[in-house]
N, C-alpha and C. Protein backbone atom coordinates (compact mmCIF):
# COMPACT_ATOMS: atom_id res chain seq x y z
N VAL A 1 8.44 -108.01 25.64
CA VAL A 1 8.24 -107.85 27.08
C VAL A 1 6.77 -108.08 27.44
N THR A 2 5.87 -107.41 26.74
CA THR A 2 4.45 -107.55 27.06
C THR A 2 3.95 -108.97 26.77
N GLY A 3 4.38 -109.54 25.66
CA GLY A 3 3.94 -110.88 25.31
C GLY A 3 4.40 -111.93 26.30
N THR A 4 5.59 -111.74 26.87
CA THR A 4 6.13 -112.71 27.82
C THR A 4 5.46 -112.61 29.18
N ILE A 5 5.22 -111.39 29.64
CA ILE A 5 4.72 -111.20 31.01
C ILE A 5 3.19 -111.16 31.09
N LEU A 6 2.52 -110.96 29.96
CA LEU A 6 1.07 -110.80 29.98
C LEU A 6 0.31 -112.01 30.57
N PRO A 7 0.69 -113.27 30.24
CA PRO A 7 -0.02 -114.40 30.85
C PRO A 7 0.07 -114.39 32.38
N TYR A 8 1.24 -114.03 32.92
CA TYR A 8 1.40 -113.93 34.37
C TYR A 8 0.52 -112.82 34.93
N TYR A 9 0.45 -111.72 34.20
CA TYR A 9 -0.35 -110.58 34.65
C TYR A 9 -1.82 -110.97 34.76
N CYS A 10 -2.31 -111.64 33.71
CA CYS A 10 -3.72 -112.04 33.72
C CYS A 10 -4.00 -113.06 34.83
N LYS A 11 -3.06 -113.98 35.04
CA LYS A 11 -3.29 -115.05 36.01
C LYS A 11 -3.24 -114.55 37.45
N TYR A 12 -2.25 -113.72 37.78
CA TYR A 12 -2.03 -113.39 39.19
C TYR A 12 -2.53 -112.01 39.60
N ILE A 13 -2.88 -111.16 38.62
CA ILE A 13 -3.42 -109.83 38.97
C ILE A 13 -4.91 -109.75 38.62
N PHE A 14 -5.27 -110.23 37.43
CA PHE A 14 -6.69 -110.28 37.07
C PHE A 14 -7.35 -111.60 37.48
N HIS A 15 -6.53 -112.57 37.88
CA HIS A 15 -7.00 -113.89 38.32
C HIS A 15 -7.84 -114.58 37.26
N ASN A 16 -7.40 -114.41 36.02
CA ASN A 16 -8.07 -115.07 34.91
C ASN A 16 -7.05 -115.20 33.77
N ASP A 17 -6.52 -116.41 33.57
CA ASP A 17 -5.47 -116.59 32.56
C ASP A 17 -5.99 -117.22 31.28
N THR A 18 -7.32 -117.22 31.10
CA THR A 18 -7.89 -117.82 29.89
C THR A 18 -8.44 -116.74 28.97
N TRP A 19 -9.69 -116.34 29.16
CA TRP A 19 -10.30 -115.41 28.20
C TRP A 19 -9.70 -114.02 28.27
N MET A 20 -9.22 -113.60 29.45
CA MET A 20 -8.63 -112.25 29.53
C MET A 20 -7.37 -112.16 28.68
N TYR A 21 -6.48 -113.17 28.84
CA TYR A 21 -5.26 -113.16 28.03
C TYR A 21 -5.60 -113.24 26.54
N SER A 22 -6.53 -114.14 26.20
CA SER A 22 -6.93 -114.30 24.80
C SER A 22 -7.50 -113.00 24.24
N THR A 23 -8.34 -112.34 25.04
CA THR A 23 -8.96 -111.09 24.59
C THR A 23 -7.91 -110.01 24.35
N LEU A 24 -7.00 -109.85 25.29
CA LEU A 24 -5.97 -108.82 25.18
C LEU A 24 -5.04 -109.10 24.00
N TYR A 25 -4.58 -110.35 23.90
CA TYR A 25 -3.66 -110.71 22.83
C TYR A 25 -4.32 -110.56 21.46
N LEU A 26 -5.57 -111.05 21.35
CA LEU A 26 -6.29 -110.95 20.08
C LEU A 26 -6.56 -109.50 19.70
N THR A 27 -6.95 -108.69 20.69
CA THR A 27 -7.23 -107.28 20.43
C THR A 27 -6.02 -106.56 19.87
N GLU A 28 -4.87 -106.70 20.55
CA GLU A 28 -3.67 -106.01 20.10
C GLU A 28 -3.20 -106.54 18.75
N THR A 29 -3.28 -107.85 18.55
CA THR A 29 -2.84 -108.44 17.28
C THR A 29 -3.70 -107.96 16.12
N LEU A 30 -5.02 -107.94 16.29
CA LEU A 30 -5.91 -107.49 15.22
C LEU A 30 -5.68 -106.02 14.88
N ILE A 31 -5.49 -105.20 15.91
CA ILE A 31 -5.21 -103.77 15.68
C ILE A 31 -3.92 -103.61 14.89
N ILE A 32 -2.89 -104.37 15.25
CA ILE A 32 -1.61 -104.29 14.55
C ILE A 32 -1.77 -104.68 13.08
N VAL A 33 -2.51 -105.77 12.82
CA VAL A 33 -2.69 -106.26 11.45
C VAL A 33 -3.43 -105.23 10.61
N VAL A 34 -4.54 -104.72 11.13
CA VAL A 34 -5.35 -103.75 10.37
C VAL A 34 -4.55 -102.46 10.13
N ALA A 35 -3.91 -101.96 11.19
CA ALA A 35 -3.16 -100.71 11.06
C ALA A 35 -1.94 -100.87 10.16
N THR A 36 -1.36 -102.06 10.14
CA THR A 36 -0.20 -102.32 9.26
C THR A 36 -0.60 -102.18 7.80
N PHE A 37 -1.78 -102.66 7.44
CA PHE A 37 -2.26 -102.54 6.06
C PHE A 37 -2.52 -101.08 5.69
N LEU A 38 -2.81 -100.23 6.67
CA LEU A 38 -3.08 -98.82 6.40
C LEU A 38 -1.80 -97.98 6.38
N SER A 39 -0.71 -98.55 6.90
CA SER A 39 0.53 -97.78 7.04
C SER A 39 1.12 -97.27 5.73
N PRO A 40 1.01 -98.00 4.60
CA PRO A 40 1.58 -97.47 3.35
C PRO A 40 1.07 -96.09 2.96
N MET A 41 -0.18 -95.78 3.31
CA MET A 41 -0.72 -94.45 3.00
C MET A 41 0.03 -93.37 3.79
N LEU A 42 0.35 -93.67 5.06
CA LEU A 42 1.12 -92.73 5.87
C LEU A 42 2.57 -92.66 5.39
N LEU A 43 3.08 -93.79 4.93
CA LEU A 43 4.48 -93.83 4.48
C LEU A 43 4.73 -92.87 3.33
N LYS A 44 3.80 -92.83 2.37
CA LYS A 44 3.98 -91.95 1.22
C LYS A 44 4.04 -90.48 1.63
N LYS A 45 3.28 -90.15 2.66
CA LYS A 45 3.19 -88.74 3.05
C LYS A 45 4.28 -88.32 4.04
N TYR A 46 4.63 -89.22 4.96
CA TYR A 46 5.52 -88.81 6.06
C TYR A 46 6.90 -89.47 6.05
N GLY A 47 7.09 -90.53 5.30
CA GLY A 47 8.38 -91.20 5.27
C GLY A 47 8.52 -92.20 6.41
N LYS A 48 9.52 -93.06 6.29
CA LYS A 48 9.69 -94.14 7.26
C LYS A 48 9.98 -93.63 8.67
N ARG A 49 10.91 -92.71 8.77
CA ARG A 49 11.33 -92.25 10.10
C ARG A 49 10.22 -91.52 10.83
N ASN A 50 9.57 -90.56 10.17
CA ASN A 50 8.54 -89.77 10.84
C ASN A 50 7.31 -90.62 11.18
N MET A 51 6.94 -91.53 10.28
CA MET A 51 5.80 -92.40 10.54
C MET A 51 6.09 -93.31 11.75
N SER A 52 7.28 -93.89 11.76
CA SER A 52 7.65 -94.78 12.87
C SER A 52 7.76 -94.02 14.18
N LEU A 53 8.31 -92.80 14.12
CA LEU A 53 8.46 -91.99 15.33
C LEU A 53 7.10 -91.63 15.91
N ALA A 54 6.15 -91.25 15.05
CA ALA A 54 4.81 -90.94 15.52
C ALA A 54 4.17 -92.17 16.16
N GLY A 55 4.37 -93.33 15.54
CA GLY A 55 3.83 -94.57 16.09
C GLY A 55 4.44 -94.91 17.43
N ALA A 56 5.75 -94.74 17.56
CA ALA A 56 6.43 -95.02 18.82
C ALA A 56 5.94 -94.09 19.93
N CYS A 57 5.74 -92.83 19.60
CA CYS A 57 5.20 -91.88 20.59
C CYS A 57 3.79 -92.27 21.01
N LEU A 58 2.99 -92.74 20.05
CA LEU A 58 1.62 -93.17 20.36
C LEU A 58 1.64 -94.40 21.27
N ALA A 59 2.53 -95.36 20.97
CA ALA A 59 2.65 -96.55 21.81
C ALA A 59 3.09 -96.18 23.22
N LEU A 60 3.98 -95.20 23.32
CA LEU A 60 4.44 -94.72 24.63
C LEU A 60 3.28 -94.11 25.41
N VAL A 61 2.44 -93.33 24.71
CA VAL A 61 1.25 -92.75 25.35
C VAL A 61 0.31 -93.85 25.82
N GLY A 62 0.13 -94.87 24.99
CA GLY A 62 -0.73 -95.99 25.37
C GLY A 62 -0.24 -96.68 26.62
N GLN A 63 1.07 -96.84 26.74
CA GLN A 63 1.63 -97.48 27.94
C GLN A 63 1.44 -96.58 29.17
N LEU A 64 1.60 -95.28 28.99
CA LEU A 64 1.41 -94.34 30.11
C LEU A 64 -0.05 -94.35 30.57
N ILE A 65 -0.98 -94.48 29.62
CA ILE A 65 -2.40 -94.57 29.99
C ILE A 65 -2.65 -95.79 30.87
N PHE A 66 -2.05 -96.91 30.49
CA PHE A 66 -2.19 -98.12 31.30
C PHE A 66 -1.66 -97.91 32.71
N CYS A 67 -0.54 -97.19 32.84
CA CYS A 67 0.08 -96.98 34.15
C CYS A 67 -0.82 -96.17 35.09
N LEU A 68 -1.79 -95.43 34.55
CA LEU A 68 -2.69 -94.65 35.39
C LEU A 68 -3.57 -95.55 36.26
N ASN A 69 -3.91 -96.72 35.73
CA ASN A 69 -4.77 -97.64 36.49
C ASN A 69 -4.44 -99.08 36.07
N PRO A 70 -3.31 -99.62 36.56
CA PRO A 70 -2.82 -100.92 36.07
C PRO A 70 -3.64 -102.13 36.49
N THR A 71 -4.60 -101.95 37.39
CA THR A 71 -5.42 -103.09 37.81
C THR A 71 -6.81 -103.06 37.18
N ASN A 72 -7.05 -102.14 36.27
CA ASN A 72 -8.35 -102.02 35.61
C ASN A 72 -8.29 -102.67 34.24
N PHE A 73 -9.15 -103.65 33.99
CA PHE A 73 -9.12 -104.38 32.72
C PHE A 73 -9.46 -103.47 31.54
N GLY A 74 -10.37 -102.54 31.75
CA GLY A 74 -10.72 -101.60 30.68
C GLY A 74 -9.53 -100.76 30.25
N PHE A 75 -8.74 -100.29 31.22
CA PHE A 75 -7.53 -99.53 30.90
C PHE A 75 -6.55 -100.41 30.13
N MET A 76 -6.47 -101.69 30.51
CA MET A 76 -5.57 -102.61 29.84
C MET A 76 -5.97 -102.79 28.37
N VAL A 77 -7.27 -102.98 28.11
CA VAL A 77 -7.74 -103.14 26.74
C VAL A 77 -7.46 -101.88 25.91
N PHE A 78 -7.79 -100.71 26.49
CA PHE A 78 -7.56 -99.45 25.80
C PHE A 78 -6.07 -99.27 25.50
N SER A 79 -5.23 -99.64 26.47
CA SER A 79 -3.79 -99.55 26.27
C SER A 79 -3.34 -100.45 25.13
N CYS A 80 -3.89 -101.68 25.05
CA CYS A 80 -3.53 -102.60 23.97
C CYS A 80 -3.90 -102.03 22.60
N VAL A 81 -5.06 -101.36 22.52
CA VAL A 81 -5.50 -100.75 21.26
C VAL A 81 -4.53 -99.64 20.85
N ILE A 82 -4.20 -98.76 21.77
CA ILE A 82 -3.30 -97.64 21.46
C ILE A 82 -1.91 -98.16 21.12
N ARG A 83 -1.41 -99.12 21.89
CA ARG A 83 -0.09 -99.69 21.61
C ARG A 83 -0.06 -100.38 20.25
N GLY A 84 -1.14 -101.09 19.91
CA GLY A 84 -1.22 -101.74 18.61
C GLY A 84 -1.16 -100.75 17.46
N LEU A 85 -1.91 -99.65 17.62
CA LEU A 85 -1.87 -98.59 16.59
C LEU A 85 -0.47 -97.98 16.48
N GLY A 86 0.22 -97.86 17.61
CA GLY A 86 1.56 -97.27 17.60
C GLY A 86 2.61 -98.21 17.05
N LEU A 87 2.44 -99.50 17.33
CA LEU A 87 3.44 -100.47 16.88
C LEU A 87 3.36 -100.74 15.39
N ALA A 88 2.16 -100.66 14.82
CA ALA A 88 1.95 -101.03 13.42
C ALA A 88 2.88 -100.31 12.43
N PRO A 89 3.04 -98.98 12.51
CA PRO A 89 3.92 -98.33 11.53
C PRO A 89 5.35 -98.86 11.54
N LEU A 90 5.91 -99.03 12.74
CA LEU A 90 7.27 -99.56 12.84
C LEU A 90 7.31 -101.01 12.39
N ASN A 91 6.30 -101.76 12.75
CA ASN A 91 6.21 -103.17 12.37
C ASN A 91 6.17 -103.34 10.86
N SER A 92 5.51 -102.40 10.18
CA SER A 92 5.34 -102.52 8.73
C SER A 92 6.58 -102.11 7.95
N ILE A 93 7.48 -101.37 8.57
CA ILE A 93 8.59 -100.79 7.83
C ILE A 93 9.97 -101.20 8.35
N VAL A 94 10.02 -102.03 9.37
CA VAL A 94 11.31 -102.34 10.00
C VAL A 94 12.29 -102.95 9.00
N PHE A 95 11.80 -103.81 8.11
CA PHE A 95 12.72 -104.40 7.12
C PHE A 95 13.09 -103.39 6.03
N GLY A 96 12.27 -102.36 5.86
CA GLY A 96 12.65 -101.27 4.97
C GLY A 96 13.85 -100.52 5.51
N PHE A 97 13.90 -100.36 6.85
CA PHE A 97 15.07 -99.74 7.48
C PHE A 97 16.33 -100.57 7.20
N LEU A 98 16.20 -101.90 7.28
CA LEU A 98 17.35 -102.76 7.00
C LEU A 98 17.80 -102.61 5.56
N GLY A 99 16.82 -102.48 4.65
CA GLY A 99 17.17 -102.26 3.25
C GLY A 99 17.94 -100.96 3.07
N ASP A 100 17.56 -99.93 3.79
CA ASP A 100 18.29 -98.66 3.73
C ASP A 100 19.72 -98.82 4.21
N VAL A 101 19.90 -99.67 5.22
CA VAL A 101 21.25 -99.91 5.74
C VAL A 101 22.12 -100.56 4.67
N VAL A 102 21.53 -101.44 3.86
CA VAL A 102 22.27 -102.06 2.76
C VAL A 102 22.80 -100.99 1.81
N GLU A 103 21.91 -100.07 1.41
CA GLU A 103 22.32 -99.01 0.49
C GLU A 103 23.35 -98.09 1.13
N PHE A 104 23.12 -97.73 2.39
CA PHE A 104 24.07 -96.86 3.09
C PHE A 104 25.44 -97.52 3.20
N GLY A 105 25.42 -98.83 3.53
CA GLY A 105 26.69 -99.54 3.67
C GLY A 105 27.48 -99.57 2.37
N GLN A 106 26.77 -99.80 1.26
CA GLN A 106 27.44 -99.79 -0.03
C GLN A 106 28.00 -98.41 -0.36
N TRP A 107 27.20 -97.38 -0.07
CA TRP A 107 27.64 -96.00 -0.34
C TRP A 107 28.87 -95.64 0.50
N LYS A 108 28.88 -96.09 1.74
CA LYS A 108 29.95 -95.71 2.66
C LYS A 108 31.22 -96.54 2.47
N THR A 109 31.06 -97.84 2.20
CA THR A 109 32.22 -98.74 2.21
C THR A 109 32.53 -99.37 0.87
N HIS A 110 31.65 -99.15 -0.12
CA HIS A 110 31.79 -99.78 -1.44
C HIS A 110 31.63 -101.30 -1.36
N LEU A 111 30.97 -101.78 -0.33
CA LEU A 111 30.64 -103.20 -0.20
C LEU A 111 29.13 -103.33 -0.03
N ARG A 112 28.53 -104.29 -0.77
CA ARG A 112 27.08 -104.51 -0.66
C ARG A 112 26.86 -105.84 0.05
N GLN A 113 26.16 -105.81 1.17
CA GLN A 113 26.07 -107.00 2.02
C GLN A 113 24.62 -107.26 2.46
N GLU A 114 23.72 -107.49 1.50
CA GLU A 114 22.32 -107.76 1.85
C GLU A 114 22.18 -108.95 2.77
N SER A 115 22.81 -110.08 2.39
CA SER A 115 22.64 -111.32 3.15
C SER A 115 23.10 -111.15 4.59
N PHE A 116 24.25 -110.52 4.76
CA PHE A 116 24.81 -110.34 6.10
C PHE A 116 23.90 -109.47 6.97
N ILE A 117 23.46 -108.35 6.41
CA ILE A 117 22.66 -107.39 7.19
C ILE A 117 21.30 -107.99 7.56
N PHE A 118 20.62 -108.64 6.61
CA PHE A 118 19.31 -109.22 6.93
C PHE A 118 19.45 -110.42 7.86
N ALA A 119 20.55 -111.17 7.72
CA ALA A 119 20.78 -112.29 8.64
C ALA A 119 21.00 -111.79 10.06
N ILE A 120 21.79 -110.72 10.19
CA ILE A 120 22.02 -110.15 11.52
C ILE A 120 20.72 -109.62 12.11
N GLY A 121 19.86 -109.04 11.25
CA GLY A 121 18.56 -108.57 11.74
C GLY A 121 17.72 -109.72 12.27
N SER A 122 17.74 -110.85 11.57
CA SER A 122 16.99 -112.02 12.01
C SER A 122 17.57 -112.59 13.30
N VAL A 123 18.89 -112.68 13.37
CA VAL A 123 19.54 -113.18 14.59
C VAL A 123 19.25 -112.25 15.77
N GLY A 124 19.27 -110.94 15.51
CA GLY A 124 18.99 -109.98 16.57
C GLY A 124 17.59 -110.14 17.15
N THR A 125 16.62 -110.41 16.26
CA THR A 125 15.24 -110.64 16.72
C THR A 125 15.16 -111.86 17.63
N LYS A 126 15.80 -112.95 17.21
CA LYS A 126 15.78 -114.18 18.01
C LYS A 126 16.51 -113.99 19.32
N LEU A 127 17.66 -113.33 19.28
CA LEU A 127 18.41 -113.07 20.52
C LEU A 127 17.61 -112.18 21.46
N GLY A 128 16.95 -111.17 20.89
CA GLY A 128 16.15 -110.27 21.72
C GLY A 128 15.04 -111.01 22.45
N ASN A 129 14.35 -111.90 21.72
CA ASN A 129 13.29 -112.69 22.34
C ASN A 129 13.84 -113.58 23.44
N GLY A 130 14.96 -114.25 23.14
CA GLY A 130 15.54 -115.17 24.11
C GLY A 130 16.05 -114.47 25.35
N ILE A 131 16.76 -113.36 25.15
CA ILE A 131 17.31 -112.60 26.28
C ILE A 131 16.20 -112.02 27.14
N THR A 132 15.16 -111.50 26.47
CA THR A 132 14.02 -110.94 27.22
C THR A 132 13.37 -111.99 28.10
N ALA A 133 13.11 -113.16 27.53
CA ALA A 133 12.49 -114.24 28.31
C ALA A 133 13.37 -114.64 29.48
N ALA A 134 14.69 -114.73 29.24
CA ALA A 134 15.61 -115.14 30.30
C ALA A 134 15.66 -114.10 31.42
N VAL A 135 15.72 -112.83 31.06
CA VAL A 135 15.79 -111.76 32.07
C VAL A 135 14.51 -111.71 32.90
N LEU A 136 13.36 -111.79 32.22
CA LEU A 136 12.09 -111.73 32.95
C LEU A 136 11.92 -112.94 33.87
N THR A 137 12.35 -114.10 33.40
CA THR A 137 12.29 -115.31 34.24
C THR A 137 13.15 -115.15 35.49
N GLN A 138 14.33 -114.59 35.31
CA GLN A 138 15.23 -114.38 36.46
C GLN A 138 14.65 -113.35 37.43
N LEU A 139 14.02 -112.31 36.91
CA LEU A 139 13.40 -111.31 37.78
C LEU A 139 12.27 -111.92 38.61
N LEU A 140 11.48 -112.78 37.98
CA LEU A 140 10.41 -113.45 38.71
C LEU A 140 10.97 -114.39 39.77
N ALA A 141 12.03 -115.13 39.40
CA ALA A 141 12.65 -116.03 40.37
C ALA A 141 13.24 -115.25 41.54
N PHE A 142 13.87 -114.13 41.24
CA PHE A 142 14.47 -113.29 42.28
C PHE A 142 13.42 -112.76 43.25
N SER A 143 12.20 -112.51 42.74
CA SER A 143 11.14 -111.98 43.59
C SER A 143 10.42 -113.06 44.39
N GLY A 144 10.79 -114.35 44.15
CA GLY A 144 10.21 -115.44 44.93
C GLY A 144 9.11 -116.21 44.24
N TYR A 145 9.12 -116.23 42.91
CA TYR A 145 8.07 -116.92 42.16
C TYR A 145 8.03 -118.41 42.51
N VAL A 146 6.82 -118.91 42.77
CA VAL A 146 6.62 -120.33 43.10
C VAL A 146 6.11 -121.03 41.85
N SER A 147 6.89 -121.99 41.34
CA SER A 147 6.56 -122.62 40.06
C SER A 147 5.95 -124.01 40.19
N LYS A 148 5.54 -124.38 41.37
CA LYS A 148 4.94 -125.70 41.57
C LYS A 148 3.59 -125.79 40.86
N ALA A 149 3.28 -126.99 40.38
CA ALA A 149 2.01 -127.21 39.69
C ALA A 149 0.85 -127.00 40.65
N GLY A 150 -0.20 -126.36 40.15
CA GLY A 150 -1.40 -126.16 40.95
C GLY A 150 -1.40 -124.89 41.78
N VAL A 151 -0.28 -124.15 41.78
CA VAL A 151 -0.21 -122.91 42.56
C VAL A 151 -1.03 -121.83 41.86
N THR A 152 -1.96 -121.24 42.56
CA THR A 152 -2.84 -120.21 41.97
C THR A 152 -2.58 -118.82 42.55
N THR A 153 -1.80 -118.75 43.61
CA THR A 153 -1.44 -117.46 44.20
C THR A 153 0.07 -117.38 44.35
N GLN A 154 0.57 -116.17 44.37
CA GLN A 154 2.00 -115.93 44.52
C GLN A 154 2.22 -114.92 45.64
N PRO A 155 3.45 -114.91 46.21
CA PRO A 155 3.76 -113.90 47.21
C PRO A 155 3.55 -112.49 46.65
N GLN A 156 3.27 -111.54 47.53
CA GLN A 156 3.03 -110.16 47.08
C GLN A 156 4.23 -109.59 46.34
N SER A 157 5.43 -110.05 46.70
CA SER A 157 6.64 -109.57 46.01
C SER A 157 6.62 -109.97 44.53
N VAL A 158 6.08 -111.15 44.25
CA VAL A 158 5.98 -111.61 42.86
C VAL A 158 4.93 -110.80 42.11
N VAL A 159 3.80 -110.58 42.75
CA VAL A 159 2.73 -109.78 42.13
C VAL A 159 3.25 -108.38 41.80
N ASN A 160 3.98 -107.80 42.74
CA ASN A 160 4.55 -106.46 42.51
C ASN A 160 5.55 -106.48 41.36
N MET A 161 6.36 -107.54 41.29
CA MET A 161 7.34 -107.64 40.21
C MET A 161 6.65 -107.76 38.86
N ILE A 162 5.61 -108.59 38.79
CA ILE A 162 4.88 -108.76 37.52
C ILE A 162 4.30 -107.42 37.07
N MET A 163 3.70 -106.69 38.00
CA MET A 163 3.11 -105.39 37.66
C MET A 163 4.18 -104.39 37.23
N ASN A 164 5.30 -104.38 37.94
CA ASN A 164 6.38 -103.44 37.60
C ASN A 164 6.99 -103.75 36.24
N ILE A 165 7.16 -105.04 35.95
CA ILE A 165 7.70 -105.42 34.64
C ILE A 165 6.78 -104.96 33.53
N TYR A 166 5.47 -105.20 33.71
CA TYR A 166 4.52 -104.83 32.66
C TYR A 166 4.40 -103.31 32.51
N LYS A 167 4.60 -102.59 33.60
CA LYS A 167 4.53 -101.13 33.52
C LYS A 167 5.82 -100.53 32.99
N VAL A 168 6.94 -100.92 33.56
CA VAL A 168 8.21 -100.25 33.28
C VAL A 168 8.91 -100.79 32.03
N GLY A 169 8.83 -102.12 31.81
CA GLY A 169 9.54 -102.71 30.68
C GLY A 169 9.20 -102.06 29.35
N PRO A 170 7.92 -102.01 28.97
CA PRO A 170 7.57 -101.37 27.70
C PRO A 170 7.92 -99.88 27.65
N LEU A 171 7.83 -99.20 28.80
CA LEU A 171 8.23 -97.79 28.82
C LEU A 171 9.69 -97.63 28.42
N ILE A 172 10.56 -98.48 28.97
CA ILE A 172 11.99 -98.43 28.63
C ILE A 172 12.18 -98.68 27.15
N VAL A 173 11.48 -99.69 26.62
CA VAL A 173 11.62 -100.04 25.21
C VAL A 173 11.20 -98.87 24.31
N TRP A 174 10.00 -98.30 24.59
CA TRP A 174 9.49 -97.27 23.70
C TRP A 174 10.26 -95.96 23.81
N VAL A 175 10.73 -95.63 25.00
CA VAL A 175 11.57 -94.43 25.14
C VAL A 175 12.86 -94.62 24.33
N THR A 176 13.44 -95.82 24.39
CA THR A 176 14.65 -96.12 23.62
C THR A 176 14.39 -95.99 22.13
N VAL A 177 13.26 -96.54 21.67
CA VAL A 177 12.91 -96.45 20.24
C VAL A 177 12.74 -95.00 19.81
N VAL A 178 12.06 -94.21 20.63
CA VAL A 178 11.85 -92.78 20.31
C VAL A 178 13.19 -92.07 20.18
N ILE A 179 14.10 -92.31 21.13
CA ILE A 179 15.42 -91.66 21.09
C ILE A 179 16.19 -92.06 19.82
N ILE A 180 16.17 -93.35 19.50
CA ILE A 180 16.88 -93.82 18.30
C ILE A 180 16.31 -93.17 17.04
N LEU A 181 14.99 -93.10 16.95
CA LEU A 181 14.37 -92.52 15.76
C LEU A 181 14.60 -91.01 15.67
N LEU A 182 14.67 -90.35 16.82
CA LEU A 182 15.00 -88.92 16.81
C LEU A 182 16.40 -88.68 16.26
N LEU A 183 17.30 -89.63 16.50
CA LEU A 183 18.68 -89.49 16.03
C LEU A 183 18.87 -89.99 14.60
N TYR A 184 17.86 -90.65 14.05
CA TYR A 184 17.95 -91.25 12.72
C TYR A 184 17.88 -90.18 11.64
N ARG A 185 18.87 -90.15 10.77
CA ARG A 185 18.92 -89.10 9.74
C ARG A 185 18.99 -89.64 8.32
N LEU A 186 18.93 -90.96 8.17
CA LEU A 186 19.16 -91.56 6.85
C LEU A 186 18.08 -91.22 5.84
N ASP A 187 16.85 -91.01 6.30
CA ASP A 187 15.77 -90.66 5.37
C ASP A 187 16.11 -89.43 4.54
N LYS A 188 16.70 -88.42 5.18
CA LYS A 188 17.04 -87.18 4.48
C LYS A 188 18.19 -87.38 3.50
N LYS A 189 19.12 -88.27 3.84
CA LYS A 189 20.29 -88.50 3.00
C LYS A 189 20.02 -89.50 1.88
N TYR A 190 18.92 -90.26 2.00
CA TYR A 190 18.69 -91.38 1.11
C TYR A 190 18.64 -90.99 -0.38
N PRO A 191 17.91 -89.93 -0.77
CA PRO A 191 17.90 -89.57 -2.20
C PRO A 191 19.30 -89.28 -2.74
N MET A 192 20.12 -88.57 -1.97
CA MET A 192 21.48 -88.27 -2.41
C MET A 192 22.31 -89.55 -2.52
N ILE A 193 22.15 -90.46 -1.55
CA ILE A 193 22.89 -91.72 -1.56
C ILE A 193 22.52 -92.54 -2.79
N MET A 194 21.22 -92.65 -3.09
CA MET A 194 20.78 -93.44 -4.23
C MET A 194 21.26 -92.83 -5.55
N LYS A 195 21.26 -91.50 -5.62
CA LYS A 195 21.74 -90.82 -6.84
C LYS A 195 23.22 -91.13 -7.08
N GLU A 196 24.00 -91.08 -5.99
CA GLU A 196 25.44 -91.36 -6.13
C GLU A 196 25.67 -92.82 -6.48
N LEU A 197 24.87 -93.74 -5.89
CA LEU A 197 25.03 -95.16 -6.22
C LEU A 197 24.68 -95.44 -7.67
N GLU A 198 23.67 -94.75 -8.21
CA GLU A 198 23.32 -94.91 -9.62
C GLU A 198 24.45 -94.42 -10.51
N GLU A 199 25.07 -93.31 -10.11
CA GLU A 199 26.21 -92.79 -10.90
C GLU A 199 27.38 -93.76 -10.85
N ARG A 200 27.63 -94.35 -9.70
CA ARG A 200 28.70 -95.35 -9.60
C ARG A 200 28.40 -96.56 -10.47
N GLU A 201 27.15 -97.02 -10.45
CA GLU A 201 26.76 -98.18 -11.23
C GLU A 201 26.96 -97.92 -12.71
N ALA A 202 26.66 -96.70 -13.14
CA ALA A 202 26.84 -96.34 -14.55
C ALA A 202 28.31 -96.40 -14.93
N ARG A 203 29.19 -96.18 -13.92
CA ARG A 203 30.64 -96.24 -14.17
C ARG A 203 31.20 -97.64 -13.92
N GLY A 204 30.33 -98.57 -13.51
CA GLY A 204 30.76 -99.93 -13.24
C GLY A 204 31.44 -100.07 -11.89
N GLU A 205 31.07 -99.18 -10.93
CA GLU A 205 31.67 -99.23 -9.59
C GLU A 205 30.61 -99.59 -8.56
N LEU A 206 31.09 -100.10 -7.41
CA LEU A 206 30.22 -100.31 -6.26
C LEU A 206 30.20 -99.03 -5.43
């Protein structure tokens, strides 16, 4: 959501679609990369679910900070830093969650389906990106977006839509992530599941 709408935000709200966008994108990306390398230390102590949940809550706080002053570039930069720190734990472990699903699926159904589960995860990522872009494009068109070449200003309805998407969209995403992680219980069951799978393997069973 943020990656799709951010160029519009910089162009029509900050009136600078070059260095501002580059600065914001680079800032958040660098924070994510650095924090991702540090995440394994947190993983050992807190586990996948708790580490990701803390990160999601931090990203949610970062988005709320931005909402306090959405037209201030300093608030935007600070928000990108906090969001990057919050996203990194989940970003570093998301495929670990998929691996857990493989083990859980085998334990529950006696079928092991790594290829299917990881393929669905990849398809889901691509579908999510495509659907997000399509929905945001339609919202902009609905608000009266003018797509002619050389247009540097947009109707106030479009400006309002861009701001609302950037404020509300990530809030919806992070609240959803927090709720899902609060309901996630596989971390606690995982040692028992792996022990039972090892016993099955010793008996030559799936």
